[in-house]
Amino acid sequence: MLRLYKAFFYSMQGLRWGFVREPALRQEMLAILVGTPLAFWLAPDAGWLLALVGGLLLLLAVELLNTAIEKLADFVTADRHAAIGAVKDMGSAAVFCLLVLNAGLWGWAAWAKLAG
């Protein structure tokens, strides 16, 4: 039980660190705070609710991983390196993929709610 408590504490530290220092993480946390109640209104059923909120949580998780990769790469070397640049670009692309997924999910849910 102590291990779970410590894991939760470390996770909250990571979220707090990201919130304080990373604008993209702040924006995505705000999207979760605003989007969760909105999802209850938009979603026609529990599956859609899970998809809408889950998409936002997945976006936050990938952004956290991308930020961790960027911070680690910057720690390893301050010099510009093609391979490290490619790694950072791939992390950014992963976030972009989740942004596209969320735009599609939320757009479809909004269209279905307003059209139907």
Protein backbone atom coordinates (compact mmCIF):
# COMPACT_ATOMS: atom_id res chain seq x y z
CA MET A 1 0.00 0.00 0.00
CA LEU A 2 2.89 2.34 0.75
CA ARG A 3 4.23 1.81 -2.78
CA LEU A 4 0.88 2.92 -4.27
CA TYR A 5 0.84 6.00 -2.07
CA LYS A 6 4.37 6.93 -3.14
CA ALA A 7 3.55 6.31 -6.81
CA PHE A 8 0.53 8.60 -6.53
CA PHE A 9 2.65 11.27 -4.82
CA TYR A 10 5.32 11.10 -7.53
CA SER A 11 2.67 11.32 -10.24
CA MET A 12 1.18 14.42 -8.65
CA GLN A 13 4.67 15.93 -8.44
CA GLY A 14 5.08 15.34 -12.18
CA LEU A 15 1.73 16.93 -12.99
CA ARG A 16 2.53 19.90 -10.77
CA TRP A 17 5.98 20.33 -12.37
CA GLY A 18 4.46 20.26 -15.83
CA PHE A 19 1.65 22.64 -14.90
CA VAL A 20 4.06 25.21 -13.50
CA ARG A 21 6.64 25.04 -16.30
CA GLU A 22 4.97 23.93 -19.53
CA PRO A 23 2.25 26.01 -21.24
CA ALA A 24 1.12 23.07 -23.42
CA LEU A 25 0.48 20.94 -20.34
CA ARG A 26 -1.46 23.79 -18.70
CA GLN A 27 -3.63 24.09 -21.82
CA GLU A 28 -4.31 20.36 -21.91
CA MET A 29 -5.13 20.22 -18.19
CA LEU A 30 -7.55 23.10 -18.75
CA ALA A 31 -9.06 21.19 -21.68
CA ILE A 32 -9.68 18.24 -19.34
CA LEU A 33 -11.27 20.48 -16.70
CA VAL A 34 -13.57 22.13 -19.25
CA GLY A 35 -14.03 19.08 -21.46
CA THR A 36 -15.09 16.58 -18.83
CA PRO A 37 -18.37 18.32 -17.88
CA LEU A 38 -18.94 19.18 -21.55
CA ALA A 39 -18.48 15.51 -22.45
CA PHE A 40 -21.35 14.55 -20.12
CA TRP A 41 -23.60 16.88 -22.14
CA LEU A 42 -22.27 15.90 -25.57
CA ALA A 43 -21.94 12.14 -25.18
CA PRO A 44 -25.00 10.11 -26.17
CA ASP A 45 -23.83 7.12 -24.11
CA ALA A 46 -21.10 5.85 -21.80
CA GLY A 47 -18.91 4.71 -24.69
CA TRP A 48 -18.81 8.18 -26.18
CA LEU A 49 -18.18 9.69 -22.75
CA LEU A 50 -15.23 7.36 -22.28
CA ALA A 51 -13.90 8.20 -25.76
CA LEU A 52 -14.15 11.97 -25.25
CA VAL A 53 -12.61 12.10 -21.77
CA GLY A 54 -10.20 9.27 -22.54
CA GLY A 55 -8.96 11.10 -25.63
CA LEU A 56 -8.14 14.15 -23.53
CA LEU A 57 -6.39 12.07 -20.88
CA LEU A 58 -4.41 10.23 -23.55
CA LEU A 59 -3.40 13.58 -25.04
CA LEU A 60 -2.14 14.73 -21.64
CA ALA A 61 -0.23 11.48 -21.14
CA VAL A 62 1.50 11.75 -24.52
CA GLU A 63 2.32 15.41 -23.89
CA LEU A 64 3.87 14.46 -20.55
CA LEU A 65 5.99 11.81 -22.25
CA ASN A 66 6.98 14.24 -25.00
CA THR A 67 8.01 16.81 -22.40
CA ALA A 68 10.01 14.19 -20.52
CA ILE A 69 11.82 13.20 -23.72
CA GLU A 70 12.61 16.83 -24.52
CA LYS A 71 13.90 17.56 -21.01
CA LEU A 72 16.03 14.42 -21.01
CA ALA A 73 17.45 15.24 -24.45
CA ASP A 74 18.29 18.77 -23.31
CA PHE A 75 19.99 17.34 -20.23
CA VAL A 76 22.10 14.93 -22.26
CA THR A 77 23.49 17.65 -24.50
CA ALA A 78 22.91 21.33 -25.10
CA ASP A 79 24.46 21.00 -28.56
CA ARG A 80 22.29 20.70 -31.63
CA HIS A 81 22.31 17.10 -32.81
CA ALA A 82 20.36 15.72 -35.78
CA ALA A 83 19.37 12.50 -34.00
CA ILE A 84 18.12 14.32 -30.90
CA GLY A 85 16.25 16.77 -33.11
CA ALA A 86 14.56 13.84 -34.86
CA VAL A 87 13.58 12.30 -31.50
CA LYS A 88 12.06 15.59 -30.36
CA ASP A 89 10.22 15.94 -33.68
CA MET A 90 8.78 12.43 -33.32
CA GLY A 91 7.52 13.27 -29.83
CA SER A 92 5.89 16.37 -31.23
CA ALA A 93 4.34 14.32 -34.03
CA ALA A 94 2.87 11.92 -31.45
CA VAL A 95 1.18 14.85 -29.71
CA PHE A 96 -0.08 16.11 -33.07
CA CYS A 97 -1.65 12.71 -33.82
CA LEU A 98 -3.56 12.87 -30.54
CA LEU A 99 -4.66 16.45 -31.26
CA VAL A 100 -6.07 15.27 -34.61
CA LEU A 101 -7.82 12.33 -32.93
CA ASN A 102 -9.36 14.63 -30.32
CA ALA A 103 -10.48 17.14 -32.94
CA GLY A 104 -12.21 14.32 -34.80
CA LEU A 105 -13.84 12.84 -31.69
CA TRP A 106 -15.03 16.15 -30.32
CA GLY A 107 -16.08 17.45 -33.73
CA TRP A 108 -18.11 14.33 -34.46
CA ALA A 109 -19.75 14.39 -31.01
CA ALA A 110 -20.63 18.08 -31.36
CA TRP A 111 -22.01 17.58 -34.87
CA ALA A 112 -24.10 14.58 -33.77
CA LYS A 113 -25.48 16.48 -30.77
CA LEU A 114 -26.31 19.66 -32.66
CA ALA A 115 -27.57 17.99 -35.86
CA GLY A 116 -29.67 15.36 -34.11
